[in-house]
Amino acid sequence: MNALITIFRRELSAYLRSYLGWIVASLALLAMGVMFVAFSAKTRLPGEMLAQFFMWASIVTGVAGIILSIRLISEERQTGSMVLLSTSPVRELEIVAGKFLAALAFLTLILALSSYIPLLIKSEGKISGGQILIGYVGLFLFGATSLAIGMFASSLVKQQLAAAAIGATILGLMAVLFRLSGELGDPMKFLFAELDVWWLHFERGFMRGVFNLKDVVYYVAVTYFFLLLAVKTLEAKRWQ
C-alpha cells in the first residue's frame, strides 16, 4: 500500500507540475466550451442543451483520457526507470493502480473545472442538479475506462505515439460496436450492443440524466479488465 501511495503522489505531482498536464487540461476545457457554443447553444431547450454538452464533453474526455494515460508506462520504458521499478519490491498491480489513480484524479480535476457550463444552463432553465450529477458520474466512468484502455496500450509499446494510436483505435472500435450490431443477427447483435462503450451505456443513459446500475457495472468491469491486462502485460515483460 505504501508503494501504491508513493507512486500515486509522484504521478499526480508530475501532472500538476508539467506543461503536458495543464496543456491537456486547457485544451480540454477550451474544446468543451467551443463545442458547447457551436453546437449545444443552438437549442433553446435546457434539457437538450445539457444533453448536448455531455455528448461533446464525453468525446473530449475520451481523448483526454487516452492522452493522459499513454505516457504512464511508455515514458518509464523510454527513460529506463521501468527497469528500476521492475527490480524493486513493487508489484505490477501497485504500479498500475498508483499511476491509474493519479491520472484519474487529474482527469477528475478537469471535469470539475468544466462544471461551470452545466451550472450556467441550470441558471437559465429548468434542469435539476441530479441531472448534472448523473451526467458527471457518466463522464467520470467513461474517463476511467478511457484511461484504463490507454494504460493497457502504454504497457504494450515503448513509443508514446504508438501507444496513442493503439489506445485510440481500441476506444474508437468499442464506440461503434452498437452501430455494428445492427448488421448482425442474434446472439452476436445483443453481445456487440452490450459491449459498446458509448451509445448504449452513455448516450442512452448518463447523457440523458438517466441513472442505470447496469451502466455503472459495465464501465467498472471494462476498466478493471483493461487494467488487469496492463498488469499481466507488465508481469510478462518483467524479465524481458
Protein backbone atom coordinates (compact mmCIF):
# COMPACT_ATOMS: atom_id res chain seq x y z
CA MET A 1 0.00 0.00 0.00
CA ASN A 2 2.85 2.41 0.79
CA ALA A 3 4.33 1.80 -2.67
CA LEU A 4 0.96 2.50 -4.31
CA ILE A 5 0.57 5.78 -2.42
CA THR A 6 4.13 6.81 -3.31
CA ILE A 7 3.55 6.12 -7.00
CA PHE A 8 0.21 7.94 -6.86
CA ARG A 9 1.78 11.04 -5.32
CA ARG A 10 4.68 11.03 -7.76
CA GLU A 11 2.46 10.73 -10.84
CA LEU A 12 -0.09 13.28 -9.66
CA SER A 13 2.73 15.71 -8.89
CA ALA A 14 4.10 15.10 -12.39
CA TYR A 15 0.74 16.10 -13.92
CA LEU A 16 0.40 19.18 -11.72
CA ARG A 17 3.96 20.37 -12.38
CA SER A 18 4.30 19.52 -16.06
CA TYR A 19 3.33 21.54 -19.09
CA LEU A 20 1.68 18.47 -20.62
CA GLY A 21 -0.88 18.12 -17.85
CA TRP A 22 -2.02 21.73 -17.94
CA ILE A 23 -1.89 21.89 -21.73
CA VAL A 24 -4.23 18.90 -21.90
CA ALA A 25 -6.46 20.44 -19.24
CA SER A 26 -6.58 23.82 -21.02
CA LEU A 27 -7.29 22.31 -24.43
CA ALA A 28 -9.96 20.00 -22.98
CA LEU A 29 -11.76 22.89 -21.26
CA LEU A 30 -11.42 25.05 -24.38
CA ALA A 31 -12.81 22.29 -26.58
CA MET A 32 -15.78 21.73 -24.26
CA GLY A 33 -16.56 25.44 -24.27
CA VAL A 34 -16.19 25.89 -28.02
CA MET A 35 -18.25 22.79 -28.85
CA PHE A 36 -20.95 23.87 -26.43
CA VAL A 37 -21.22 27.32 -28.01
CA ALA A 38 -21.01 25.97 -31.56
CA PHE A 39 -23.50 23.12 -31.20
CA SER A 40 -25.27 22.85 -27.86
CA ALA A 41 -26.30 26.51 -27.52
CA LYS A 42 -28.30 26.37 -30.77
CA THR A 43 -31.30 24.87 -28.99
CA ARG A 44 -33.45 26.80 -26.53
CA LEU A 45 -34.43 23.72 -24.52
CA PRO A 46 -32.27 23.49 -21.37
CA GLY A 47 -32.58 19.70 -21.14
CA GLU A 48 -31.39 19.25 -24.71
CA MET A 49 -28.59 21.77 -24.20
CA LEU A 50 -27.38 19.79 -21.19
CA ALA A 51 -27.53 16.51 -23.12
CA GLN A 52 -25.58 18.04 -26.00
CA PHE A 53 -22.96 19.36 -23.59
CA PHE A 54 -22.44 15.92 -22.08
CA MET A 55 -22.22 14.37 -25.55
CA TRP A 56 -19.38 16.66 -26.64
CA ALA A 57 -17.79 16.56 -23.18
CA SER A 58 -17.66 12.75 -23.36
CA ILE A 59 -15.73 12.90 -26.64
CA VAL A 60 -13.26 15.37 -25.15
CA THR A 61 -12.97 13.24 -22.00
CA GLY A 62 -12.21 10.12 -24.04
CA VAL A 63 -9.47 11.88 -26.00
CA ALA A 64 -8.02 13.45 -22.84
CA GLY A 65 -8.05 10.07 -21.11
CA ILE A 66 -6.00 8.49 -23.88
CA ILE A 67 -3.50 11.38 -23.97
CA LEU A 68 -3.02 11.45 -20.20
CA SER A 69 -2.51 7.70 -19.91
CA ILE A 70 -0.17 6.84 -22.77
CA ARG A 71 2.88 8.31 -21.02
CA LEU A 72 2.36 6.42 -17.77
CA ILE A 73 4.28 3.28 -18.73
CA SER A 74 5.76 4.08 -22.15
CA GLU A 75 7.67 7.03 -20.70
CA GLU A 76 9.09 4.84 -17.94
CA ARG A 77 10.49 2.49 -20.58
CA GLN A 78 11.91 5.32 -22.68
CA THR A 79 13.74 6.85 -19.71
CA GLY A 80 14.87 3.48 -18.35
CA SER A 81 13.15 3.99 -14.99
CA MET A 82 10.91 0.98 -15.62
CA VAL A 83 13.95 -1.22 -15.01
CA LEU A 84 14.29 0.27 -11.53
CA LEU A 85 10.60 -0.29 -10.82
CA SER A 86 10.76 -3.86 -12.11
CA THR A 87 13.73 -4.75 -9.94
CA SER A 88 12.34 -3.06 -6.82
CA PRO A 89 9.98 -4.75 -4.33
CA VAL A 90 6.96 -3.17 -6.01
CA ARG A 91 4.26 -5.30 -7.54
CA GLU A 92 2.95 -4.63 -11.02
CA LEU A 93 -0.51 -4.19 -9.52
CA GLU A 94 0.75 -1.32 -7.35
CA ILE A 95 2.46 0.31 -10.32
CA VAL A 96 -0.64 0.18 -12.49
CA ALA A 97 -3.06 1.14 -9.71
CA GLY A 98 -0.95 4.07 -8.48
CA LYS A 99 -0.45 5.50 -11.96
CA PHE A 100 -4.09 4.97 -12.93
CA LEU A 101 -5.47 6.64 -9.80
CA ALA A 102 -3.16 9.64 -10.31
CA ALA A 103 -4.33 10.09 -13.91
CA LEU A 104 -7.94 9.63 -12.82
CA ALA A 105 -7.54 12.27 -10.11
CA PHE A 106 -6.18 14.76 -12.64
CA LEU A 107 -8.92 13.96 -15.14
CA THR A 108 -11.48 14.44 -12.37
CA LEU A 109 -10.00 17.88 -11.74
CA ILE A 110 -10.52 18.76 -15.41
CA LEU A 111 -14.14 17.60 -15.24
CA ALA A 112 -14.71 19.62 -12.06
CA LEU A 113 -13.37 22.75 -13.75
CA SER A 114 -15.85 22.28 -16.61
CA SER A 115 -18.86 22.23 -14.28
CA TYR A 116 -19.50 25.96 -14.81
CA ILE A 117 -21.07 25.19 -18.19
CA PRO A 118 -23.95 22.98 -16.96
CA LEU A 119 -24.39 25.34 -14.00
CA LEU A 120 -24.91 28.19 -16.49
CA ILE A 121 -27.52 26.07 -18.26
CA LYS A 122 -29.22 25.38 -14.93
CA SER A 123 -29.38 29.08 -14.14
CA GLU A 124 -31.21 29.73 -17.42
CA GLY A 125 -33.68 26.85 -17.42
CA LYS A 126 -35.46 24.11 -15.54
CA ILE A 127 -32.97 21.31 -15.09
CA SER A 128 -32.17 19.62 -11.81
CA GLY A 129 -28.88 19.24 -10.02
CA GLY A 130 -29.49 15.50 -10.18
CA GLN A 131 -29.34 15.55 -13.98
CA ILE A 132 -26.00 17.35 -13.83
CA LEU A 133 -24.65 14.96 -11.21
CA ILE A 134 -25.69 11.88 -13.20
CA GLY A 135 -24.06 13.28 -16.32
CA TYR A 136 -20.80 13.85 -14.49
CA VAL A 137 -20.91 10.36 -12.99
CA GLY A 138 -21.10 9.11 -16.57
CA LEU A 139 -18.20 11.32 -17.67
CA PHE A 140 -16.14 10.09 -14.71
CA LEU A 141 -16.81 6.43 -15.53
CA PHE A 142 -16.22 6.93 -19.26
CA GLY A 143 -12.99 8.79 -18.48
CA ALA A 144 -11.84 5.99 -16.20
CA THR A 145 -12.47 3.47 -18.97
CA SER A 146 -10.52 5.60 -21.47
CA LEU A 147 -7.60 5.86 -19.04
CA ALA A 148 -7.58 2.09 -18.49
CA ILE A 149 -7.54 1.45 -22.24
CA GLY A 150 -4.72 3.97 -22.66
CA MET A 151 -2.74 2.36 -19.84
CA PHE A 152 -3.05 -1.04 -21.47
CA ALA A 153 -1.84 0.43 -24.77
CA SER A 154 1.03 2.13 -22.93
CA SER A 155 2.08 -1.19 -21.41
CA LEU A 156 2.40 -2.78 -24.85
CA VAL A 157 4.92 -0.45 -26.53
CA LYS A 158 7.71 2.00 -25.70
CA GLN A 159 6.71 4.74 -28.14
CA GLN A 160 4.01 7.06 -26.85
CA LEU A 161 2.68 7.82 -30.34
CA ALA A 162 2.24 4.10 -30.97
CA ALA A 163 0.50 3.74 -27.62
CA ALA A 164 -1.81 6.64 -28.51
CA ALA A 165 -2.68 5.02 -31.83
CA ILE A 166 -3.40 1.66 -30.19
CA GLY A 167 -5.47 3.20 -27.38
CA ALA A 168 -7.46 5.44 -29.71
CA THR A 169 -8.14 2.50 -32.05
CA ILE A 170 -9.41 0.29 -29.23
CA LEU A 171 -11.63 3.05 -27.82
CA GLY A 172 -12.88 4.00 -31.28
CA LEU A 173 -13.76 0.42 -32.17
CA MET A 174 -15.57 -0.09 -28.88
CA ALA A 175 -17.55 3.10 -29.54
CA VAL A 176 -19.02 1.80 -32.82
CA LEU A 177 -19.97 -1.71 -31.68
CA PHE A 178 -23.59 -0.66 -31.18
CA ARG A 179 -23.80 0.60 -34.76
CA LEU A 180 -22.13 -2.56 -36.00
CA SER A 181 -24.56 -4.73 -34.02
CA GLY A 182 -27.36 -3.54 -36.30
CA GLU A 183 -25.80 -5.52 -39.14
CA LEU A 184 -25.63 -8.74 -37.15
CA GLY A 185 -28.10 -11.36 -36.05
CA ASP A 186 -28.74 -12.79 -32.61
CA PRO A 187 -26.93 -13.57 -30.35
CA MET A 188 -23.98 -11.50 -31.71
CA LYS A 189 -26.24 -8.47 -32.13
CA PHE A 190 -27.01 -8.40 -28.40
CA LEU A 191 -23.39 -9.08 -27.43
CA PHE A 192 -21.93 -6.31 -29.61
CA ALA A 193 -24.57 -3.82 -28.45
CA GLU A 194 -23.88 -4.52 -24.78
CA LEU A 195 -20.12 -4.20 -25.26
CA ASP A 196 -20.39 -0.77 -26.89
CA VAL A 197 -18.59 1.80 -24.76
CA TRP A 198 -20.68 4.87 -25.67
CA TRP A 199 -24.02 4.57 -27.45
CA LEU A 200 -25.88 2.15 -25.20
CA HIS A 201 -24.30 2.94 -21.83
CA PHE A 202 -23.62 6.69 -22.06
CA GLU A 203 -25.75 8.24 -24.81
CA ARG A 204 -28.97 6.48 -23.76
CA GLY A 205 -28.31 6.76 -20.05
CA PHE A 206 -25.97 9.23 -18.37
CA MET A 207 -26.18 11.76 -21.19
CA ARG A 208 -29.95 11.95 -20.75
CA GLY A 209 -29.80 12.16 -16.96
CA VAL A 210 -30.85 8.54 -16.54
CA PHE A 211 -29.01 6.51 -13.90
CA ASN A 212 -28.85 2.78 -14.57
CA LEU A 213 -26.83 0.49 -12.32
CA LYS A 214 -26.13 -1.78 -15.29
CA ASP A 215 -24.20 1.03 -16.98
CA VAL A 216 -22.10 1.61 -13.85
CA VAL A 217 -21.28 -2.10 -13.63
CA TYR A 218 -20.33 -2.11 -17.31
CA TYR A 219 -17.85 0.76 -17.03
CA VAL A 220 -16.33 -0.62 -13.83
CA ALA A 221 -15.96 -4.05 -15.43
CA VAL A 222 -14.34 -2.72 -18.62
CA THR A 223 -11.98 -0.51 -16.60
CA TYR A 224 -10.99 -3.46 -14.43
CA PHE A 225 -10.49 -5.66 -17.50
CA PHE A 226 -8.05 -3.32 -19.22
CA LEU A 227 -6.17 -2.54 -16.00
CA LEU A 228 -5.82 -6.28 -15.46
CA LEU A 229 -4.46 -6.63 -19.00
CA ALA A 230 -1.93 -3.87 -18.22
CA VAL A 231 -0.83 -5.68 -15.05
CA LYS A 232 -0.46 -9.01 -16.85
CA THR A 233 1.47 -7.33 -19.67
CA LEU A 234 3.93 -5.81 -17.19
CA GLU A 235 4.30 -9.15 -15.43
CA ALA A 236 5.05 -10.85 -18.74
CA LYS A 237 7.67 -8.22 -19.61
CA ARG A 238 9.33 -8.05 -16.18
CA TRP A 239 12.18 -10.38 -17.15
CA GLN A 240 12.47 -9.34 -20.79
